[in-house]
Amino acid sequence: MSDVMAALDWLLSYGPYFDIRVVNLSLGKGISESNATDPLVLAVENLWDAGMVVVVAAGNEGYEGSMTVTSPGNSRKVITVGSLTDNATGLDHSDDYVSSFSSQGPTIGDLVLKPDLLAPGNRVIGAATKNSKLGQLLKSRLKSCKKNGCSDDAVYLEMSGTSMATPIVSAAVALMLDKDPTLSPATVKARLMRSAYKIDADPTESGAGLLNAEAALNDSGVVAGEALSPLMLFDTESNTVLIEDTAILWGDDLWGAAYLFDGGLNWASGAAFTDDNGVTANGYMWTDGGVSAKGYMWTGGGISAKGYMWTDGVRAKSLLDGNEETEFFLNDDEPVQ
């Protein structure tokens, strides 16, 4: 934690000098407090406010169900990325689905609708070295490109996880900023979400959908303020789960939730969302009448997710727990110790 904080502090001090515009964080920790006070969240939001687009992994605790997104992915400002399994069928998205390990929202305690979008994160092959720690641990996953004319020293490593999906989005952000360096982080996030492929999945698993880099590059929308990820709320009077209206939150009807999200939402006006400050915005009903989301009952005492009752508002598993063996996800079904 201290190493990460030191790196973020260095970026805040020297990032502008080196013209650093994109910060990729393929890491996370368990959520132990609100995003309003979490030091890691505040650190990444300082970078965001300084003009750097921060892209963060959602986490690999999807097997545990809802409320498993890790910090700093619980920040409302930054871009939080989940993983998609694409079955290597190119532009045919009919067989795509959210990777089973990909952490799901809403965020514990603050109830932020996360992740923001997905990118391919299952069995991704990336550059590595033979003597790297991961290369030593996962020798069977090392891939040689010698057959393709590469040098003997060129090796690659196949891994799965939201840490693999996140830099794909960061690369898309780099392309967007290369095309138009004047883009604000909020506009980059908004364009990525609106232009994403909409897939048949609950938004607390898929966010706004699958990254569509070409469409994001061609999007021309601009957000004047902050593209904050919307909050969710259980309304006891109407027995419905509500999502904050992004048209009001982001300052323009063109950024309405109906444009950002698809699949798993029944849009019905008339419900109201009220935040802690008493600011009322038009809300929308969630799923099948609003009583449940993905089969998990929302109650005043907490949320039951696959047998785990979340009641204290602070618990979530870490991506990497020092008291447990490291898990390297090699496929959608089985983490390998």
Protein backbone atom coordinates (compact mmCIF):
# COMPACT_ATOMS: atom_id res chain seq x y z
CA MET A 1 0.00 0.00 0.00
CA SER A 2 2.76 2.46 0.91
CA ASP A 3 4.67 1.61 -2.29
CA VAL A 4 1.58 2.28 -4.40
CA MET A 5 0.87 5.53 -2.56
CA ALA A 6 4.47 6.64 -3.10
CA ALA A 7 4.18 5.89 -6.82
CA LEU A 8 0.95 7.87 -7.08
CA ASP A 9 2.54 10.76 -5.20
CA TRP A 10 5.49 10.69 -7.64
CA LEU A 11 3.07 10.77 -10.57
CA LEU A 12 1.26 13.75 -9.08
CA SER A 13 4.56 15.62 -8.73
CA TYR A 14 6.33 14.64 -11.94
CA GLY A 15 3.60 13.33 -14.25
CA PRO A 16 3.01 16.72 -15.89
CA TYR A 17 6.76 17.15 -16.51
CA PHE A 18 6.90 13.84 -18.40
CA ASP A 19 3.49 14.48 -20.02
CA ILE A 20 1.99 11.35 -18.44
CA ARG A 21 -1.69 11.26 -19.38
CA VAL A 22 -2.73 7.66 -18.63
CA VAL A 23 -2.19 5.73 -15.39
CA ASN A 24 -2.89 1.99 -15.40
CA LEU A 25 -3.48 0.29 -12.04
CA SER A 26 -3.80 -3.48 -12.44
CA LEU A 27 -4.10 -3.91 -8.68
CA GLY A 28 -6.50 -3.47 -5.83
CA LYS A 29 -7.09 -3.91 -2.10
CA GLY A 30 -10.06 -4.80 0.03
CA ILE A 31 -12.42 -1.92 0.76
CA SER A 32 -12.25 -0.94 4.44
CA GLU A 33 -13.89 2.49 4.39
CA SER A 34 -15.94 4.87 2.28
CA ASN A 35 -14.51 6.15 -1.00
CA ALA A 36 -14.81 9.64 0.54
CA THR A 37 -12.04 8.84 3.04
CA ASP A 38 -10.07 5.94 1.51
CA PRO A 39 -6.48 7.25 1.06
CA LEU A 40 -5.93 5.16 -2.07
CA VAL A 41 -9.12 6.46 -3.68
CA LEU A 42 -8.22 10.04 -2.78
CA ALA A 43 -4.75 9.55 -4.29
CA VAL A 44 -6.04 8.33 -7.65
CA GLU A 45 -8.65 11.07 -7.71
CA ASN A 46 -5.90 13.65 -7.21
CA LEU A 47 -4.26 12.31 -10.38
CA TRP A 48 -7.62 12.42 -12.16
CA ASP A 49 -8.17 16.03 -11.13
CA ALA A 50 -4.65 16.84 -12.37
CA GLY A 51 -5.63 15.68 -15.86
CA MET A 52 -4.43 12.07 -15.88
CA VAL A 53 -6.88 9.35 -16.91
CA VAL A 54 -6.75 6.62 -14.26
CA VAL A 55 -7.81 3.11 -15.33
CA VAL A 56 -8.24 0.54 -12.54
CA ALA A 57 -8.89 -3.21 -12.36
CA ALA A 58 -12.26 -4.15 -10.82
CA GLY A 59 -10.87 -7.22 -9.05
CA ASN A 60 -11.02 -11.00 -9.42
CA GLU A 61 -13.55 -11.86 -6.72
CA GLY A 62 -16.55 -12.35 -9.00
CA TYR A 63 -17.05 -15.86 -7.69
CA GLU A 64 -18.19 -14.24 -4.43
CA GLY A 65 -21.01 -12.35 -6.18
CA SER A 66 -22.05 -8.73 -5.67
CA MET A 67 -20.08 -6.02 -3.86
CA THR A 68 -16.67 -7.49 -4.68
CA VAL A 69 -15.10 -4.55 -6.55
CA THR A 70 -11.84 -3.56 -4.85
CA SER A 71 -10.27 -0.18 -4.03
CA PRO A 72 -9.44 2.14 -5.78
CA GLY A 73 -11.94 0.81 -8.33
CA ASN A 74 -14.68 2.06 -6.01
CA SER A 75 -13.85 5.66 -6.90
CA ARG A 76 -16.71 7.36 -8.72
CA LYS A 77 -14.28 9.26 -10.94
CA VAL A 78 -11.82 6.69 -12.30
CA ILE A 79 -12.51 4.11 -15.02
CA THR A 80 -13.03 0.67 -13.45
CA VAL A 81 -12.59 -2.28 -15.80
CA GLY A 82 -14.09 -5.76 -15.59
CA SER A 83 -13.14 -8.80 -17.66
CA LEU A 84 -14.92 -10.30 -20.66
CA THR A 85 -14.44 -13.79 -22.07
CA ASP A 86 -14.74 -13.38 -25.85
CA ASN A 87 -14.17 -16.96 -27.06
CA ALA A 88 -11.83 -15.62 -29.76
CA THR A 89 -14.64 -15.09 -32.25
CA GLY A 90 -13.70 -11.57 -33.30
CA LEU A 91 -16.61 -9.19 -33.83
CA ASP A 92 -19.18 -11.90 -33.11
CA HIS A 93 -20.28 -10.91 -29.61
CA SER A 94 -23.15 -13.37 -29.36
CA ASP A 95 -20.97 -15.80 -27.40
CA ASP A 96 -19.24 -13.19 -25.22
CA TYR A 97 -19.90 -13.19 -21.49
CA VAL A 98 -18.59 -11.58 -18.31
CA SER A 99 -15.69 -13.66 -16.97
CA SER A 100 -16.76 -15.61 -13.90
CA PHE A 101 -13.87 -14.18 -11.84
CA SER A 102 -14.61 -10.53 -12.71
CA SER A 103 -15.64 -8.59 -9.59
CA GLN A 104 -19.18 -7.26 -9.47
CA GLY A 105 -20.82 -4.12 -8.15
CA PRO A 106 -22.28 -2.20 -6.61
CA THR A 107 -19.36 -1.19 -4.41
CA ILE A 108 -19.53 -2.19 -0.77
CA GLY A 109 -20.74 0.60 1.50
CA ASP A 110 -21.04 3.41 -1.07
CA LEU A 111 -23.19 1.45 -3.58
CA VAL A 112 -21.54 2.85 -6.71
CA LEU A 113 -22.55 1.14 -9.95
CA LYS A 114 -19.30 -0.53 -11.05
CA PRO A 115 -17.47 -1.67 -13.15
CA ASP A 116 -17.72 1.05 -15.78
CA LEU A 117 -16.99 -1.21 -18.76
CA LEU A 118 -15.38 -4.48 -19.82
CA ALA A 119 -12.41 -5.52 -21.94
CA PRO A 120 -11.12 -8.99 -22.90
CA GLY A 121 -9.29 -10.43 -19.90
CA ASN A 122 -9.43 -14.20 -20.28
CA ARG A 123 -6.28 -16.03 -21.50
CA VAL A 124 -4.56 -12.85 -22.61
CA ILE A 125 -0.98 -13.28 -23.86
CA GLY A 126 1.48 -10.52 -23.02
CA ALA A 127 5.20 -9.85 -23.14
CA ALA A 128 7.29 -11.41 -20.37
CA THR A 129 10.84 -12.52 -19.56
CA LYS A 130 12.02 -16.01 -18.71
CA ASN A 131 13.47 -14.89 -15.38
CA SER A 132 10.46 -12.90 -14.18
CA LYS A 133 8.76 -13.98 -10.96
CA LEU A 134 5.56 -14.83 -12.80
CA GLY A 135 7.51 -16.65 -15.48
CA GLN A 136 9.10 -18.84 -12.82
CA LEU A 137 5.80 -19.53 -11.09
CA LEU A 138 3.88 -20.22 -14.28
CA LYS A 139 6.38 -21.91 -16.57
CA SER A 140 3.63 -23.89 -18.29
CA ARG A 141 1.97 -20.63 -19.36
CA LEU A 142 5.06 -19.22 -21.06
CA LYS A 143 4.65 -18.93 -24.83
CA SER A 144 7.48 -18.65 -27.35
CA CYS A 145 7.12 -16.70 -30.58
CA LYS A 146 10.24 -18.22 -32.09
CA LYS A 147 8.14 -19.88 -34.79
CA ASN A 148 7.08 -16.41 -35.94
CA GLY A 149 10.60 -15.16 -36.45
CA CYS A 150 11.12 -13.62 -33.01
CA SER A 151 14.46 -13.76 -31.25
CA ASP A 152 15.22 -16.54 -28.78
CA ASP A 153 14.80 -14.11 -25.88
CA ALA A 154 11.25 -13.11 -26.78
CA VAL A 155 8.75 -14.94 -24.57
CA TYR A 156 5.15 -14.31 -23.66
CA LEU A 157 2.94 -15.26 -20.73
CA GLU A 158 -0.73 -16.24 -20.82
CA MET A 159 -2.82 -15.05 -17.87
CA SER A 160 -6.40 -14.17 -17.01
CA GLY A 161 -7.87 -11.49 -14.77
CA THR A 162 -9.15 -7.94 -14.68
CA SER A 163 -5.48 -6.94 -14.50
CA MET A 164 -5.22 -8.17 -18.09
CA ALA A 165 -8.35 -6.32 -19.22
CA THR A 166 -7.41 -2.98 -17.66
CA PRO A 167 -4.36 -2.13 -19.84
CA ILE A 168 -6.41 -2.83 -22.97
CA VAL A 169 -8.65 0.06 -21.94
CA SER A 170 -5.60 2.15 -21.02
CA ALA A 171 -4.26 1.59 -24.54
CA ALA A 172 -7.56 2.77 -26.01
CA VAL A 173 -7.35 5.88 -23.82
CA ALA A 174 -3.84 6.56 -25.15
CA LEU A 175 -5.19 6.41 -28.71
CA MET A 176 -7.98 8.83 -27.82
CA LEU A 177 -5.56 11.31 -26.27
CA ASP A 178 -3.18 10.94 -29.20
CA LYS A 179 -6.03 11.92 -31.50
CA ASP A 180 -7.19 14.80 -29.29
CA PRO A 181 -4.83 15.79 -26.43
CA THR A 182 -7.35 18.33 -25.11
CA LEU A 183 -9.79 15.67 -23.86
CA SER A 184 -10.51 15.76 -20.14
CA PRO A 185 -10.51 12.51 -18.14
CA ALA A 186 -14.27 12.83 -17.65
CA THR A 187 -14.91 13.13 -21.40
CA VAL A 188 -12.66 10.14 -22.09
CA LYS A 189 -14.60 8.04 -19.57
CA ALA A 190 -17.98 9.17 -20.91
CA ARG A 191 -17.06 8.42 -24.52
CA LEU A 192 -15.74 4.97 -23.61
CA MET A 193 -18.94 4.09 -21.77
CA ARG A 194 -21.40 5.45 -24.33
CA SER A 195 -19.61 3.85 -27.28
CA ALA A 196 -19.20 0.42 -25.65
CA TYR A 197 -20.82 -2.67 -27.18
CA LYS A 198 -23.95 -3.41 -25.17
CA ILE A 199 -24.07 -7.03 -24.08
CA ASP A 200 -26.79 -9.07 -22.40
CA ALA A 201 -25.57 -8.86 -18.82
CA ASP A 202 -26.47 -7.12 -15.60
CA PRO A 203 -24.78 -3.69 -15.45
CA THR A 204 -23.36 -4.49 -12.01
CA GLU A 205 -21.33 -7.14 -13.83
CA SER A 206 -20.73 -5.51 -17.22
CA GLY A 207 -21.03 -1.77 -16.63
CA ALA A 208 -21.74 0.03 -19.90
CA GLY A 209 -20.57 -2.96 -21.95
CA LEU A 210 -17.52 -4.07 -23.92
CA LEU A 211 -14.81 -1.65 -24.99
CA ASN A 212 -15.22 -0.47 -28.60
CA ALA A 213 -12.03 1.47 -29.28
CA GLU A 214 -12.97 2.51 -32.81
CA ALA A 215 -16.34 3.88 -31.72
CA ALA A 216 -14.76 5.67 -28.76
CA LEU A 217 -12.27 7.34 -31.12
CA ASN A 218 -15.15 8.57 -33.27
CA ASP A 219 -17.35 9.79 -30.39
CA SER A 220 -17.57 13.58 -30.20
CA GLY A 221 -19.49 14.10 -26.96
CA VAL A 222 -18.06 16.37 -24.27
CA VAL A 223 -18.75 16.34 -20.52
CA ALA A 224 -18.55 19.77 -18.94
CA GLY A 225 -18.22 18.53 -15.36
CA GLU A 226 -17.43 15.12 -13.87
CA ALA A 227 -18.53 11.80 -15.35
CA LEU A 228 -19.18 10.28 -11.94
CA SER A 229 -20.30 6.65 -11.89
CA PRO A 230 -23.94 6.60 -10.70
CA LEU A 231 -25.04 5.51 -7.26
CA MET A 232 -27.62 2.83 -6.54
CA LEU A 233 -30.26 2.94 -3.85
CA PHE A 234 -32.87 0.59 -2.42
CA ASP A 235 -36.14 2.48 -1.95
CA THR A 236 -38.11 0.84 0.84
CA GLU A 237 -41.33 2.69 0.02
CA SER A 238 -41.54 1.49 -3.57
CA ASN A 239 -39.56 -1.72 -2.96
CA THR A 240 -37.34 -0.92 -5.91
CA VAL A 241 -33.64 -0.61 -6.58
CA LEU A 242 -32.86 2.74 -8.18
CA ILE A 243 -29.95 4.03 -10.21
CA GLU A 244 -28.93 7.68 -10.31
CA ASP A 245 -29.87 9.45 -13.52
CA THR A 246 -26.65 10.11 -15.44
CA ALA A 247 -28.38 12.65 -17.68
CA ILE A 248 -28.68 14.94 -14.67
CA LEU A 249 -25.47 13.73 -13.02
CA TRP A 250 -23.39 14.38 -16.16
CA GLY A 251 -25.27 17.50 -17.22
CA ASP A 252 -26.81 16.48 -20.55
CA ASP A 253 -29.57 14.19 -21.80
CA LEU A 254 -27.10 12.72 -24.30
CA TRP A 255 -25.39 11.01 -21.37
CA GLY A 256 -28.60 9.48 -20.01
CA ALA A 257 -28.44 6.01 -18.50
CA ALA A 258 -30.48 4.61 -21.38
CA TYR A 259 -27.56 5.50 -23.69
CA LEU A 260 -24.89 4.17 -21.34
CA PHE A 261 -26.36 0.90 -20.13
CA ASP A 262 -28.34 -1.89 -21.73
CA GLY A 263 -29.38 -5.38 -20.73
CA GLY A 264 -30.70 -6.11 -17.24
CA LEU A 265 -32.43 -2.76 -16.89
CA ASN A 266 -36.11 -1.97 -17.25
CA TRP A 267 -36.28 1.78 -17.81
CA ALA A 268 -39.27 3.32 -16.12
CA SER A 269 -39.54 6.95 -15.13
CA GLY A 270 -41.43 8.13 -12.12
CA ALA A 271 -39.17 6.68 -9.45
CA ALA A 272 -36.98 9.12 -7.58
CA PHE A 273 -33.41 8.93 -6.33
CA THR A 274 -32.41 11.13 -3.40
CA ASP A 275 -28.84 11.39 -2.20
CA ASP A 276 -27.65 12.20 1.32
CA ASN A 277 -27.68 15.91 0.54
CA GLY A 278 -31.33 15.84 -0.41
CA VAL A 279 -30.70 16.39 -4.11
CA THR A 280 -33.41 14.61 -6.02
CA ALA A 281 -32.90 13.27 -9.55
CA ASN A 282 -35.08 11.19 -11.82
CA GLY A 283 -34.40 7.54 -11.14
CA TYR A 284 -35.01 4.28 -12.93
CA MET A 285 -36.28 0.93 -11.76
CA TRP A 286 -33.82 -1.92 -11.60
CA THR A 287 -34.49 -5.40 -13.08
CA ASP A 288 -37.72 -7.29 -12.56
CA GLY A 289 -39.80 -4.85 -10.57
CA GLY A 290 -36.95 -3.66 -8.44
CA VAL A 291 -37.08 -6.09 -5.52
CA SER A 292 -33.97 -8.00 -6.52
CA ALA A 293 -30.88 -7.53 -8.66
CA LYS A 294 -29.33 -10.71 -10.08
CA GLY A 295 -31.37 -12.68 -7.57
CA TYR A 296 -29.81 -10.98 -4.54
CA MET A 297 -32.25 -9.43 -2.09
CA TRP A 298 -31.63 -5.85 -1.11
CA THR A 299 -32.55 -5.24 2.52
CA GLY A 300 -31.98 -2.61 5.16
CA GLY A 301 -29.49 -4.85 6.94
CA GLY A 302 -27.34 -5.56 3.94
CA ILE A 303 -27.17 -7.65 0.79
CA SER A 304 -26.95 -11.39 0.53
CA ALA A 305 -24.53 -12.44 -2.21
CA LYS A 306 -24.10 -16.18 -2.87
CA GLY A 307 -24.46 -17.00 0.79
CA TYR A 308 -22.31 -14.13 2.05
CA MET A 309 -24.19 -11.51 4.06
CA TRP A 310 -22.71 -8.04 3.79
CA THR A 311 -23.85 -6.07 6.83
CA ASP A 312 -20.98 -3.95 8.12
CA GLY A 313 -20.50 -1.95 4.94
CA VAL A 314 -16.75 -2.39 4.94
CA ARG A 315 -15.85 -5.96 4.04
CA ALA A 316 -14.48 -7.07 0.68
CA LYS A 317 -11.75 -9.49 -0.27
CA SER A 318 -8.43 -8.22 -1.49
CA LEU A 319 -7.06 -9.10 -4.91
CA LEU A 320 -3.93 -10.32 -3.16
CA ASP A 321 -4.15 -11.37 0.47
CA GLY A 322 -0.81 -11.76 2.20
CA ASN A 323 -2.26 -14.50 4.39
CA GLU A 324 -3.25 -16.65 1.44
CA GLU A 325 -1.42 -18.17 -1.47
CA THR A 326 -1.47 -16.06 -4.61
CA GLU A 327 -4.07 -17.12 -7.14
CA PHE A 328 -3.26 -16.85 -10.83
CA PHE A 329 -6.40 -17.18 -12.92
CA LEU A 330 -5.63 -19.23 -15.99
CA ASN A 331 -9.18 -19.71 -17.17
CA ASP A 332 -12.74 -18.90 -16.29
CA ASP A 333 -13.36 -21.93 -14.16
CA GLU A 334 -10.44 -22.63 -11.88
CA PRO A 335 -7.87 -20.47 -10.11
CA VAL A 336 -4.49 -22.17 -9.95
CA GLN A 337 -2.45 -21.87 -6.73
